[in-house]
Amino acid sequence: MGALKLKKALLAVDAQNDFCPGGALGIRDGDKAVPVLNKYIKIFQSKKLPVFVTRDWHPKVTKHFKAYGGLWPRHCVQGTRGAEFHPSLKFPKEAIVMSKGMDPEKDSYSVFQARDANGTEFFNLLKIFGVTEIYIGGLATDYCVKYTALDALGAGLKVYILTDAIRGVDKNPGDSDSALKEMLSSGAKPITLDNLKK
C-alpha cells in the first residue's frame, strides 16, 4: 500500500446560537468568528478537503450543567434553538456534523469525544480520510478549541489554530490568552486567512 497522501481537514467548532451574544452562554463577539469561519469553509470546500462542523448536543439533564453539579448554565440542549448552528454559518451538505456532550456523566469538551450521525468517532473518521493535518477555529478558545487541539496533538496530528476565527469564554480574565499560549507551546501553529491564502 502506498503512503497516504497528506490530507488537511477543517474543523469549525461549536458556532451555535447559545455561544453567541444573546445565547445562554453567550461569548463576547462569538458571532464575529462566524463570517471568518465561512471564508475558511469556502477555501477548504474549493480544494475538496473535508470540513467537519461540531456542536454541543447536551441532554436536558447532565453533570455538565450547574443544576447538576457542573460549571455551566443550561445550554445547547438537543433540539432547542440554542443548540442550532448560528444562522450565518454556511457549510456544504457534504460537511460532517460531529455531536458531543451527549453522555450525561461527562463534560466532553474535545471533538475527539464526538460522533457523527452514524456514531463514528472523530479520530476514526480522520483515519478513514487519511487526515494528518487539522485546522481548528470556532468557539470557545479556552474550552472546546483548546481541548480539541491538545487531543489532536496527542494523537500525532499537525495542528493549526485559526487565530482570526476563535473567541473565548474568559470565565476568568485572560483564560483565552492562556489557552492559546498552551496550544502553541504544545506544538500547534497559529494561522490566519492571509497566511493560508499564500
Protein backbone atom coordinates (compact mmCIF):
# COMPACT_ATOMS: atom_id res chain seq x y z
CA MET A 1 0.00 0.00 0.00
CA GLY A 2 1.39 3.42 -0.95
CA ALA A 3 1.92 6.16 1.63
CA LEU A 4 -1.20 8.15 2.46
CA LYS A 5 -1.40 11.48 0.74
CA LEU A 6 -1.01 14.24 3.31
CA LYS A 7 -4.53 15.43 3.81
CA LYS A 8 -5.86 18.51 5.52
CA ALA A 9 -9.23 18.98 7.17
CA LEU A 10 -11.06 21.98 8.60
CA LEU A 11 -12.79 21.85 11.95
CA ALA A 12 -15.37 24.55 12.74
CA VAL A 13 -16.09 24.18 16.45
CA ASP A 14 -19.44 24.91 18.13
CA ALA A 15 -20.63 28.01 16.22
CA GLN A 16 -24.03 27.66 17.91
CA ASN A 17 -26.65 30.20 19.00
CA ASP A 18 -26.13 29.60 22.72
CA PHE A 19 -22.42 30.52 22.42
CA CYS A 20 -23.13 33.76 20.57
CA PRO A 21 -24.28 37.08 22.09
CA GLY A 22 -27.82 36.70 23.46
CA GLY A 23 -27.38 32.93 23.95
CA ALA A 24 -27.45 31.03 27.24
CA LEU A 25 -23.64 31.04 27.38
CA GLY A 26 -23.01 33.97 25.05
CA ILE A 27 -19.36 34.69 24.24
CA ARG A 28 -18.46 38.31 23.63
CA ASP A 29 -18.10 38.73 19.85
CA GLY A 30 -18.70 34.98 19.38
CA ASP A 31 -20.78 35.76 16.30
CA LYS A 32 -17.82 37.65 14.77
CA ALA A 33 -15.96 34.36 14.34
CA VAL A 34 -18.71 33.07 12.02
CA PRO A 35 -18.05 35.10 8.83
CA VAL A 36 -14.34 34.26 9.11
CA LEU A 37 -15.14 30.55 9.55
CA ASN A 38 -17.31 30.81 6.43
CA LYS A 39 -14.29 32.02 4.44
CA TYR A 40 -12.20 29.09 5.65
CA ILE A 41 -15.04 26.69 4.81
CA LYS A 42 -15.16 28.09 1.24
CA ILE A 43 -11.40 27.60 0.79
CA PHE A 44 -11.43 24.01 2.05
CA GLN A 45 -14.54 23.22 0.03
CA SER A 46 -12.96 24.61 -3.15
CA LYS A 47 -9.95 22.33 -2.60
CA LYS A 48 -12.27 19.35 -1.97
CA LEU A 49 -10.85 18.88 1.53
CA PRO A 50 -13.02 17.54 4.37
CA VAL A 51 -14.97 20.02 6.52
CA PHE A 52 -16.11 18.97 9.99
CA VAL A 53 -18.63 21.07 11.91
CA THR A 54 -19.02 20.33 15.61
CA ARG A 55 -21.79 21.05 18.07
CA ASP A 56 -22.54 20.65 21.75
CA TRP A 57 -25.60 18.39 21.86
CA HIS A 58 -26.48 18.01 25.53
CA PRO A 59 -29.34 16.08 27.11
CA LYS A 60 -31.61 18.10 29.44
CA VAL A 61 -30.00 16.52 32.48
CA THR A 62 -26.20 16.34 32.52
CA LYS A 63 -23.42 16.77 35.06
CA HIS A 64 -22.08 19.46 32.70
CA PHE A 65 -24.78 21.91 33.93
CA LYS A 66 -24.69 23.89 37.18
CA ALA A 67 -28.05 22.50 38.24
CA TYR A 68 -26.49 19.00 38.38
CA GLY A 69 -23.09 19.88 39.83
CA GLY A 70 -21.30 21.22 36.73
CA LEU A 71 -19.74 24.56 35.80
CA TRP A 72 -22.18 25.85 33.21
CA PRO A 73 -25.71 27.22 32.81
CA ARG A 74 -28.03 25.06 30.71
CA HIS A 75 -27.01 25.43 27.04
CA CYS A 76 -27.13 23.66 23.66
CA VAL A 77 -29.82 21.21 24.75
CA GLN A 78 -30.69 18.78 21.95
CA GLY A 79 -33.47 20.07 19.71
CA THR A 80 -33.54 23.64 21.10
CA ARG A 81 -32.90 26.86 19.19
CA GLY A 82 -29.83 27.47 21.32
CA ALA A 83 -28.27 24.25 20.06
CA GLU A 84 -28.80 25.20 16.40
CA PHE A 85 -25.86 26.47 14.38
CA HIS A 86 -25.60 30.25 14.13
CA PRO A 87 -27.87 31.26 11.21
CA SER A 88 -24.95 32.92 9.39
CA LEU A 89 -22.77 29.78 9.42
CA LYS A 90 -22.64 28.39 5.88
CA PHE A 91 -21.33 24.90 5.37
CA PRO A 92 -21.76 22.46 2.48
CA LYS A 93 -24.10 19.49 2.74
CA GLU A 94 -21.04 17.21 2.45
CA ALA A 95 -19.68 18.67 5.70
CA ILE A 96 -19.71 16.14 8.53
CA VAL A 97 -21.58 17.26 11.64
CA MET A 98 -19.97 15.95 14.83
CA SER A 99 -22.03 15.94 18.04
CA LYS A 100 -20.57 15.86 21.55
CA GLY A 101 -21.70 16.20 25.14
CA MET A 102 -24.42 13.54 24.86
CA ASP A 103 -23.08 11.50 27.79
CA PRO A 104 -24.72 12.95 30.94
CA GLU A 105 -21.72 11.83 33.02
CA LYS A 106 -19.05 13.70 31.03
CA ASP A 107 -18.14 17.28 30.06
CA SER A 108 -16.86 16.23 26.60
CA TYR A 109 -15.13 19.46 25.56
CA SER A 110 -12.96 17.79 22.92
CA VAL A 111 -14.17 16.87 19.45
CA PHE A 112 -12.29 13.61 19.98
CA GLN A 113 -15.27 12.70 22.18
CA ALA A 114 -17.72 13.49 19.37
CA ARG A 115 -19.52 11.20 16.92
CA ASP A 116 -21.08 11.69 13.51
CA ALA A 117 -24.68 10.77 12.60
CA ASN A 118 -23.64 7.11 12.22
CA GLY A 119 -21.96 7.01 15.63
CA THR A 120 -18.41 7.02 14.21
CA GLU A 121 -15.82 8.72 16.40
CA PHE A 122 -13.85 11.69 15.12
CA PHE A 123 -10.43 10.01 15.20
CA ASN A 124 -11.75 7.06 13.15
CA LEU A 125 -13.12 9.48 10.55
CA LEU A 126 -9.74 11.20 10.31
CA LYS A 127 -8.13 7.82 9.68
CA ILE A 128 -10.71 6.96 7.00
CA PHE A 129 -9.99 10.27 5.19
CA GLY A 130 -6.23 9.97 5.71
CA VAL A 131 -6.17 13.33 7.52
CA THR A 132 -2.89 14.22 9.21
CA GLU A 133 -3.31 17.98 9.49
CA ILE A 134 -6.23 19.83 11.05
CA TYR A 135 -7.15 23.50 11.04
CA ILE A 136 -9.26 24.47 14.05
CA GLY A 137 -11.44 27.55 14.55
CA GLY A 138 -14.64 28.39 16.41
CA LEU A 139 -15.87 28.59 19.98
CA ALA A 140 -14.60 28.65 22.61
CA THR A 141 -10.85 29.22 22.57
CA ASP A 142 -10.43 28.30 26.23
CA TYR A 143 -12.54 25.13 26.24
CA CYS A 144 -13.61 23.14 23.19
CA VAL A 145 -10.98 24.59 20.83
CA LYS A 146 -8.20 24.10 23.40
CA TYR A 147 -9.10 20.54 24.42
CA THR A 148 -9.58 19.51 20.79
CA ALA A 149 -6.20 20.97 19.78
CA LEU A 150 -4.39 19.28 22.68
CA ASP A 151 -6.04 15.92 21.90
CA ALA A 152 -5.14 16.30 18.21
CA LEU A 153 -1.50 16.99 19.09
CA GLY A 154 -1.56 14.00 21.45
CA ALA A 155 -2.82 11.87 18.55
CA GLY A 156 0.19 12.91 16.45
CA LEU A 157 -1.64 15.28 14.12
CA LYS A 158 -0.30 18.57 12.82
CA VAL A 159 -2.50 21.32 14.26
CA TYR A 160 -3.16 24.86 13.06
CA ILE A 161 -5.22 27.31 15.13
CA LEU A 162 -7.23 29.83 13.08
CA THR A 163 -6.43 32.78 15.33
CA ASP A 164 -8.76 35.13 13.41
CA ALA A 165 -11.73 32.73 13.80
CA ILE A 166 -11.71 31.93 17.53
CA ARG A 167 -13.31 33.64 20.54
CA GLY A 168 -13.19 32.62 24.21
CA VAL A 169 -15.46 32.50 27.24
CA ASP A 170 -12.88 34.06 29.61
CA LYS A 171 -14.64 32.72 32.70
CA ASN A 172 -11.55 34.15 34.42
CA PRO A 173 -9.91 37.16 32.75
CA GLY A 174 -7.09 36.08 30.43
CA ASP A 175 -8.27 32.45 30.07
CA SER A 176 -8.32 32.68 26.27
CA ASP A 177 -4.81 34.12 26.04
CA SER A 178 -3.53 31.40 28.37
CA ALA A 179 -5.34 28.74 26.32
CA LEU A 180 -3.78 29.97 23.07
CA LYS A 181 -0.31 30.04 24.68
CA GLU A 182 -0.84 26.49 25.95
CA MET A 183 -1.88 25.23 22.50
CA LEU A 184 1.09 26.90 20.80
CA SER A 185 3.62 25.77 23.41
CA SER A 186 2.26 22.22 22.97
CA GLY A 187 3.07 22.34 19.24
CA ALA A 188 0.07 23.94 17.47
CA LYS A 189 0.82 26.64 14.90
CA PRO A 190 -1.13 29.91 14.56
CA ILE A 191 -2.54 30.77 11.14
CA THR A 192 -4.85 33.40 9.65
CA LEU A 193 -6.73 33.71 6.36
CA ASP A 194 -3.92 35.85 4.94
CA ASN A 195 -1.30 33.17 5.69
CA LEU A 196 -3.49 30.37 4.38
CA LYS A 197 -4.02 32.02 1.01
CA LYS A 198 -0.29 32.46 0.44
